[in-house]
Amino acid sequence: MTLCSAFEQGKILENIGICTQVSFVRYMQGRRTLGKDPKLFIKDLWFEKVPVRIYQPKAPSASQRRGVVFFHGGGWIFGSLETHEELCRFLARESESVVVSVGYRLAPEHKYPAAYEDCLNTTLHFLQHLQHYGVDPARVTVCGDSAGGNLAAAVSQTLAGSSDLPRLRAQILIYPGLQALDFNLPSYQQNRGVPLLFRERAAFYMLQYLNGNAAKLEEVLEGSHIPVDVKLKYRKWVSPDNIPEEFKVRGYKPRVLLDCTTEVYETVKRFCEPNLCPLLAEDTVIQQLPESFILTCEYDVLRDDGLLYKKRLEDNGVPVTWYHLQDGFHGIINSFNSDWFSFPAGKRGLENIVNFLRSL
């Protein structure tokens, strides 16, 4: 069953009172199981009350291996250890790394900051016990796709100033969602109806993560959820002016700044917290971040979030490897090995991620 049909059938079941759409889609996503991998030891454990799955190469290594803490995508609502199993196996095999996949708590049952806290706590646990897994303390990377890229960026920022733990070697952000101030950036306008992530769904997921519901969705989409003075404060970082002109040629209409009511802002004011929207972190934090890899896709509403963060990192002297899939769309990386839904661009993107890992 395709993801789209699972959503459709889940909505039907919800309408007739059998189950929620969310629970049905989660059930369908978790049904596929893979057998043993001849090249990997795979084990399910718990780190700080959070389920994790560890992938360790079987081949003996003369030295300590790289470590990768992976946070799956799915809009903070969907996704699991199972949905990203093939991707994590591939990363572990091809980069010869120990990969820890994190099964963090999901919205709307568990609102922000639950997912962030789970990802931070599992990363801290791993950093404190690297010797148990034969991992080099100088070569630990956080990685995530979509909502997982958001979580990886937030965890990386939190750990940036830590002196009592091994410093992260790198962060890998795969089409991350990094802000909720402006859902009318060029990529949101151009790709508003492009699968697998529509503009409206991007805002819906962020609201579900923040509040456990989608109240004020229309205000968020039109931009009347944040006061003008707050928007102006962050305009140096969140602005179409910071998007290169070549990304506006497919069409872009500048929007008038709209103000908002106190009532609306009260419901979403935590959108200004960097742990939720990492693009808004102060320069003093950004300056301390590790080497970064950012993957963006042309046909993705989140493209400009990645471009804006790339600029912030580069402006603060952080080395950035940027790979842009000109023929890519949101979610393409996790379909790299699908029998019916695989695209050459996804494989190219994944190969570049592996090459970056191997260079560390």
Protein backbone atom coordinates (compact mmCIF):
# COMPACT_ATOMS: atom_id res chain seq x y z
CA MET A 1 0.00 0.00 0.00
CA THR A 2 1.30 3.45 -0.89
CA LEU A 3 1.61 6.19 1.72
CA CYS A 4 -1.06 8.25 -0.08
CA SER A 5 -3.54 5.36 -0.10
CA ALA A 6 -2.80 4.66 3.56
CA PHE A 7 -3.72 8.27 4.35
CA GLU A 8 -6.90 7.98 2.27
CA GLN A 9 -8.00 4.68 3.81
CA GLY A 10 -7.10 5.93 7.27
CA LYS A 11 -9.34 8.95 6.76
CA ILE A 12 -12.25 6.67 5.77
CA LEU A 13 -11.75 4.52 8.88
CA GLU A 14 -11.60 7.65 11.03
CA ASN A 15 -14.82 9.00 9.53
CA ILE A 16 -16.73 5.82 10.36
CA GLY A 17 -15.30 5.68 13.87
CA ILE A 18 -13.07 2.60 13.66
CA CYS A 19 -9.70 4.23 14.37
CA THR A 20 -7.84 7.49 13.83
CA GLN A 21 -6.09 8.22 10.56
CA VAL A 22 -2.81 8.67 12.43
CA SER A 23 -2.98 5.25 14.11
CA PHE A 24 -3.86 3.50 10.82
CA VAL A 25 -0.97 5.10 8.90
CA ARG A 26 1.43 4.24 11.73
CA TYR A 27 0.18 0.64 11.68
CA MET A 28 0.69 0.33 7.92
CA GLN A 29 4.15 1.91 8.11
CA GLY A 30 5.27 -0.53 10.80
CA ARG A 31 4.13 -3.72 9.08
CA ARG A 32 7.16 -4.29 6.88
CA THR A 33 9.96 -6.20 8.56
CA LEU A 34 13.37 -7.10 7.17
CA GLY A 35 15.33 -10.24 7.84
CA LYS A 36 18.84 -10.51 9.17
CA ASP A 37 21.61 -8.58 7.48
CA PRO A 38 24.72 -10.64 6.65
CA LYS A 39 27.00 -7.65 7.22
CA LEU A 40 25.48 -6.15 10.36
CA PHE A 41 24.73 -6.92 13.99
CA ILE A 42 21.34 -5.37 14.72
CA LYS A 43 20.05 -5.00 18.26
CA ASP A 44 17.11 -3.23 19.91
CA LEU A 45 17.93 -1.49 23.19
CA TRP A 46 16.67 1.33 25.42
CA PHE A 47 18.67 4.50 26.02
CA GLU A 48 17.20 6.61 28.85
CA LYS A 49 13.71 5.03 28.42
CA VAL A 50 13.81 5.65 24.64
CA PRO A 51 13.81 2.69 22.22
CA VAL A 52 16.82 2.58 19.90
CA ARG A 53 18.07 0.19 17.25
CA ILE A 54 21.82 -0.21 16.88
CA TYR A 55 23.47 -1.29 13.64
CA GLN A 56 27.10 -2.47 13.95
CA PRO A 57 29.23 -3.74 11.06
CA LYS A 58 30.27 -7.37 11.57
CA ALA A 59 33.60 -7.04 9.79
CA PRO A 60 36.49 -6.54 12.21
CA SER A 61 37.95 -3.05 12.34
CA ALA A 62 41.55 -2.16 13.15
CA SER A 63 40.40 1.10 14.73
CA GLN A 64 37.35 2.58 16.40
CA ARG A 65 34.45 3.26 14.07
CA ARG A 66 32.43 6.35 13.29
CA GLY A 67 29.19 6.75 15.20
CA VAL A 68 25.94 8.10 13.71
CA VAL A 69 22.88 8.99 15.79
CA PHE A 70 19.93 8.96 13.39
CA PHE A 71 16.56 10.67 13.87
CA HIS A 72 13.82 9.58 11.47
CA GLY A 73 11.46 11.88 9.61
CA GLY A 74 7.66 11.79 9.51
CA GLY A 75 6.48 15.23 10.59
CA TRP A 76 6.97 14.40 14.31
CA ILE A 77 3.72 12.38 13.95
CA PHE A 78 4.74 9.43 11.79
CA GLY A 79 7.91 7.42 11.25
CA SER A 80 9.56 4.78 13.41
CA LEU A 81 12.57 2.50 13.69
CA GLU A 82 10.91 0.34 11.02
CA THR A 83 10.22 3.07 8.44
CA HIS A 84 13.90 3.97 8.26
CA GLU A 85 15.34 0.49 8.75
CA GLU A 86 16.64 0.09 5.20
CA LEU A 87 18.17 3.57 5.21
CA CYS A 88 19.97 2.96 8.52
CA ARG A 89 21.23 -0.42 7.36
CA PHE A 90 22.58 1.17 4.19
CA LEU A 91 24.33 3.96 6.12
CA ALA A 92 25.91 1.48 8.54
CA ARG A 93 27.07 -0.90 5.79
CA GLU A 94 28.31 1.60 3.24
CA SER A 95 29.99 4.05 5.63
CA GLU A 96 31.20 1.28 7.99
CA SER A 97 29.71 3.17 10.93
CA VAL A 98 27.84 2.26 14.08
CA VAL A 99 24.36 3.71 13.58
CA VAL A 100 21.92 4.35 16.43
CA SER A 101 18.35 4.89 15.21
CA VAL A 102 16.14 6.66 17.76
CA GLY A 103 12.46 5.82 18.31
CA TYR A 104 11.48 9.12 19.88
CA ARG A 105 7.96 9.90 21.14
CA LEU A 106 5.51 11.18 18.56
CA ALA A 107 2.93 13.97 18.42
CA PRO A 108 0.08 14.68 18.89
CA GLU A 109 0.13 12.38 21.94
CA HIS A 110 3.51 13.74 22.99
CA LYS A 111 3.91 17.44 22.26
CA TYR A 112 7.08 19.51 21.98
CA PRO A 113 9.59 19.22 23.54
CA ALA A 114 9.12 15.43 23.96
CA ALA A 115 10.73 14.40 20.65
CA TYR A 116 13.60 16.86 21.11
CA GLU A 117 14.21 15.68 24.68
CA ASP A 118 14.24 12.02 23.63
CA CYS A 119 16.73 12.73 20.84
CA LEU A 120 18.95 14.81 23.13
CA ASN A 121 18.90 12.24 25.94
CA THR A 122 19.71 9.30 23.66
CA THR A 123 22.57 11.25 22.09
CA LEU A 124 23.95 12.12 25.54
CA HIS A 125 23.68 8.47 26.59
CA PHE A 126 25.53 7.33 23.47
CA LEU A 127 28.28 9.92 23.93
CA GLN A 128 28.76 8.73 27.50
CA HIS A 129 29.03 5.04 26.51
CA LEU A 130 30.90 5.09 23.20
CA GLN A 131 33.45 2.56 24.43
CA HIS A 132 30.73 -0.11 24.64
CA TYR A 133 30.18 0.15 20.89
CA GLY A 134 33.75 0.63 19.67
CA VAL A 135 33.06 4.18 18.52
CA ASP A 136 35.71 6.87 18.15
CA PRO A 137 34.77 9.83 20.43
CA ALA A 138 36.15 12.22 17.80
CA ARG A 139 33.88 10.91 15.02
CA VAL A 140 30.26 11.05 16.19
CA THR A 141 27.67 12.60 13.87
CA VAL A 142 23.98 13.40 14.28
CA CYS A 143 21.81 12.86 11.23
CA GLY A 144 18.14 13.12 10.31
CA ASP A 145 15.69 13.60 7.48
CA SER A 146 12.84 16.12 7.43
CA ALA A 147 11.52 16.38 11.03
CA GLY A 148 14.55 14.29 11.97
CA GLY A 149 16.77 16.94 10.39
CA ASN A 150 15.06 19.50 12.62
CA LEU A 151 15.80 17.34 15.66
CA ALA A 152 19.41 16.75 14.60
CA ALA A 153 19.96 20.51 14.21
CA ALA A 154 18.40 21.20 17.62
CA VAL A 155 20.47 18.52 19.36
CA SER A 156 23.63 19.75 17.66
CA GLN A 157 22.97 23.30 18.85
CA THR A 158 22.33 22.15 22.42
CA LEU A 159 25.58 20.22 22.52
CA ALA A 160 27.63 22.91 20.75
CA GLY A 161 28.88 24.55 23.94
CA SER A 162 29.30 21.38 25.99
CA SER A 163 32.82 20.87 27.34
CA ASP A 164 32.35 17.70 29.40
CA LEU A 165 31.36 15.43 26.49
CA PRO A 166 32.96 14.47 23.16
CA ARG A 167 32.29 17.21 20.64
CA LEU A 168 30.12 16.20 17.70
CA ARG A 169 32.18 15.73 14.55
CA ALA A 170 29.39 16.69 12.14
CA GLN A 171 25.68 17.13 11.53
CA ILE A 172 23.86 15.79 8.46
CA LEU A 173 20.57 17.51 7.71
CA ILE A 174 18.46 15.92 4.97
CA TYR A 175 15.78 18.36 3.71
CA PRO A 176 15.24 19.67 7.25
CA GLY A 177 12.36 21.85 8.45
CA LEU A 178 13.98 24.57 10.52
CA GLN A 179 11.50 27.43 11.01
CA ALA A 180 7.79 28.18 11.37
CA LEU A 181 7.76 31.95 11.01
CA ASP A 182 7.24 32.07 7.24
CA PHE A 183 5.29 29.50 5.23
CA ASN A 184 5.37 31.81 2.19
CA LEU A 185 9.04 31.61 1.26
CA PRO A 186 9.70 30.97 -2.45
CA SER A 187 9.91 27.18 -2.02
CA TYR A 188 6.59 27.14 -0.15
CA GLN A 189 4.92 29.09 -2.95
CA GLN A 190 6.48 27.11 -5.79
CA ASN A 191 5.96 23.64 -4.32
CA ARG A 192 2.75 24.12 -2.34
CA GLY A 193 1.07 21.15 -4.04
CA VAL A 194 4.08 18.92 -4.74
CA PRO A 195 4.12 15.47 -3.06
CA LEU A 196 5.20 14.13 -0.69
CA LEU A 197 4.91 17.23 1.51
CA PHE A 198 2.28 19.84 0.72
CA ARG A 199 2.58 23.36 2.13
CA GLU A 200 -0.53 22.99 4.28
CA ARG A 201 0.70 19.68 5.72
CA ALA A 202 4.05 21.19 6.67
CA ALA A 203 2.30 23.80 8.82
CA PHE A 204 -0.16 21.18 10.12
CA TYR A 205 2.67 18.91 11.29
CA MET A 206 4.50 21.75 13.02
CA LEU A 207 1.34 22.76 14.89
CA GLN A 208 0.64 19.17 15.90
CA TYR A 209 4.17 18.90 17.26
CA LEU A 210 3.87 22.19 19.14
CA ASN A 211 0.33 22.03 20.51
CA GLY A 212 -1.06 18.57 19.76
CA ASN A 213 -3.67 20.10 17.45
CA ALA A 214 -3.88 22.20 14.28
CA ALA A 215 -5.74 25.21 15.69
CA LYS A 216 -4.72 28.49 14.03
CA LEU A 217 -3.58 26.68 10.86
CA GLU A 218 -5.00 29.37 8.56
CA GLU A 219 -3.25 32.14 10.48
CA VAL A 220 0.04 30.26 10.34
CA LEU A 221 -0.27 29.70 6.59
CA GLU A 222 -1.08 33.34 5.80
CA GLY A 223 1.56 34.67 8.20
CA SER A 224 -0.70 36.35 10.76
CA HIS A 225 0.56 34.25 13.70
CA ILE A 226 3.71 36.23 14.58
CA PRO A 227 3.79 39.96 15.50
CA VAL A 228 5.48 42.25 12.98
CA ASP A 229 8.14 43.35 15.48
CA VAL A 230 9.13 39.72 16.07
CA LYS A 231 9.26 39.03 12.33
CA LEU A 232 11.46 42.07 11.83
CA LYS A 233 13.75 40.87 14.62
CA TYR A 234 14.35 37.59 12.79
CA ARG A 235 14.24 38.97 9.26
CA LYS A 236 18.04 38.99 9.09
CA TRP A 237 17.81 35.17 9.17
CA VAL A 238 14.34 34.31 7.82
CA SER A 239 13.82 36.29 4.65
CA PRO A 240 13.37 35.63 0.93
CA ASP A 241 16.12 38.25 0.47
CA ASN A 242 18.58 35.61 1.70
CA ILE A 243 17.50 33.10 -0.96
CA PRO A 244 19.66 33.17 -4.12
CA GLU A 245 17.81 34.59 -7.13
CA GLU A 246 18.09 31.38 -9.15
CA PHE A 247 15.67 29.77 -6.70
CA LYS A 248 13.00 32.37 -7.41
CA VAL A 249 12.76 31.96 -11.18
CA ARG A 250 9.94 29.39 -10.98
CA GLY A 251 7.76 32.09 -9.48
CA TYR A 252 7.61 34.05 -6.28
CA LYS A 253 5.37 36.87 -5.05
CA PRO A 254 6.60 38.92 -2.08
CA ARG A 255 4.04 39.03 0.73
CA VAL A 256 2.91 41.98 2.81
CA LEU A 257 3.82 41.62 6.49
CA LEU A 258 0.69 40.82 8.47
CA ASP A 259 0.35 41.49 12.19
CA CYS A 260 -1.38 39.13 14.58
CA THR A 261 -3.60 39.17 17.63
CA THR A 262 -2.25 38.46 21.11
CA GLU A 263 -4.54 35.45 21.33
CA VAL A 264 -3.07 33.81 18.21
CA TYR A 265 0.52 34.57 19.18
CA GLU A 266 0.03 33.08 22.63
CA THR A 267 -0.76 29.72 21.05
CA VAL A 268 2.37 29.63 18.85
CA LYS A 269 4.94 31.89 20.50
CA ARG A 270 7.22 28.91 21.15
CA PHE A 271 7.85 28.87 17.40
CA CYS A 272 10.56 31.37 18.36
CA GLU A 273 12.45 28.80 20.46
CA PRO A 274 15.56 27.44 18.69
CA ASN A 275 14.96 23.93 20.08
CA LEU A 276 11.81 23.94 17.95
CA CYS A 277 13.03 26.17 15.12
CA PRO A 278 16.84 25.91 14.95
CA LEU A 279 17.15 28.57 12.24
CA LEU A 280 16.47 31.16 14.97
CA ALA A 281 19.49 30.31 17.17
CA GLU A 282 21.85 33.14 18.02
CA ASP A 283 25.14 33.59 16.15
CA THR A 284 27.07 32.67 19.31
CA VAL A 285 25.51 29.19 19.08
CA ILE A 286 25.79 28.81 15.30
CA GLN A 287 29.51 29.67 15.46
CA GLN A 288 30.17 26.63 17.63
CA LEU A 289 28.45 24.08 15.40
CA PRO A 290 30.38 21.22 13.81
CA GLU A 291 31.04 20.65 10.13
CA SER A 292 27.72 20.28 8.34
CA PHE A 293 26.18 18.48 5.38
CA ILE A 294 22.86 19.83 4.08
CA LEU A 295 20.80 18.15 1.38
CA THR A 296 18.01 20.11 -0.32
CA CYS A 297 15.57 19.25 -3.11
CA GLU A 298 14.29 21.64 -5.75
CA TYR A 299 10.71 20.38 -5.56
CA ASP A 300 10.32 20.60 -1.79
CA VAL A 301 8.56 23.18 0.36
CA LEU A 302 11.42 22.87 2.87
CA ARG A 303 14.12 23.70 0.31
CA ASP A 304 14.51 27.29 1.50
CA ASP A 305 14.81 26.30 5.17
CA GLY A 306 17.93 24.37 4.16
CA LEU A 307 19.24 27.24 2.03
CA LEU A 308 18.73 29.76 4.83
CA TYR A 309 20.51 27.55 7.36
CA LYS A 310 23.36 26.95 4.92
CA LYS A 311 23.83 30.72 4.69
CA ARG A 312 23.75 31.12 8.47
CA LEU A 313 26.37 28.42 8.94
CA GLU A 314 28.64 29.83 6.22
CA ASP A 315 28.25 33.39 7.54
CA ASN A 316 29.47 32.11 10.90
CA GLY A 317 32.48 30.23 9.55
CA VAL A 318 31.10 26.70 9.82
CA PRO A 319 32.27 24.39 6.98
CA VAL A 320 29.25 23.28 4.92
CA THR A 321 28.93 20.61 2.26
CA TRP A 322 25.73 21.32 0.34
CA TYR A 323 24.17 18.89 -2.09
CA HIS A 324 21.12 20.03 -4.04
CA LEU A 325 18.97 17.54 -5.94
CA GLN A 326 17.73 19.60 -8.88
CA ASP A 327 15.31 16.79 -9.76
CA GLY A 328 14.53 15.83 -6.16
CA PHE A 329 11.40 16.08 -4.01
CA HIS A 330 10.68 15.74 -0.30
CA GLY A 331 11.09 12.21 1.01
CA ILE A 332 13.14 10.96 -1.94
CA ILE A 333 16.07 9.65 0.14
CA ASN A 334 14.01 7.15 2.10
CA SER A 335 12.65 5.65 -1.13
CA PHE A 336 16.14 4.81 -2.43
CA ASN A 337 15.59 1.04 -2.32
CA SER A 338 11.85 0.84 -3.01
CA ASP A 339 10.71 -1.81 -5.50
CA TRP A 340 8.30 0.58 -7.23
CA PHE A 341 9.10 4.08 -5.97
CA SER A 342 12.86 4.44 -6.41
CA PHE A 343 14.52 7.38 -8.18
CA PRO A 344 18.10 7.88 -9.41
CA ALA A 345 18.21 11.28 -7.69
CA GLY A 346 17.55 9.64 -4.31
CA LYS A 347 20.41 7.21 -4.82
CA ARG A 348 22.72 10.06 -5.83
CA GLY A 349 21.80 11.98 -2.71
CA LEU A 350 22.38 8.98 -0.47
CA GLU A 351 25.75 8.25 -2.09
CA ASN A 352 26.81 11.83 -1.35
CA ILE A 353 25.75 11.43 2.28
CA VAL A 354 27.79 8.21 2.56
CA ASN A 355 30.80 9.85 0.91
CA PHE A 356 30.61 12.73 3.40
CA LEU A 357 30.47 10.27 6.30
CA ARG A 358 33.43 8.31 4.98
CA SER A 359 35.44 11.54 4.75
CA LEU A 360 35.12 12.22 8.49
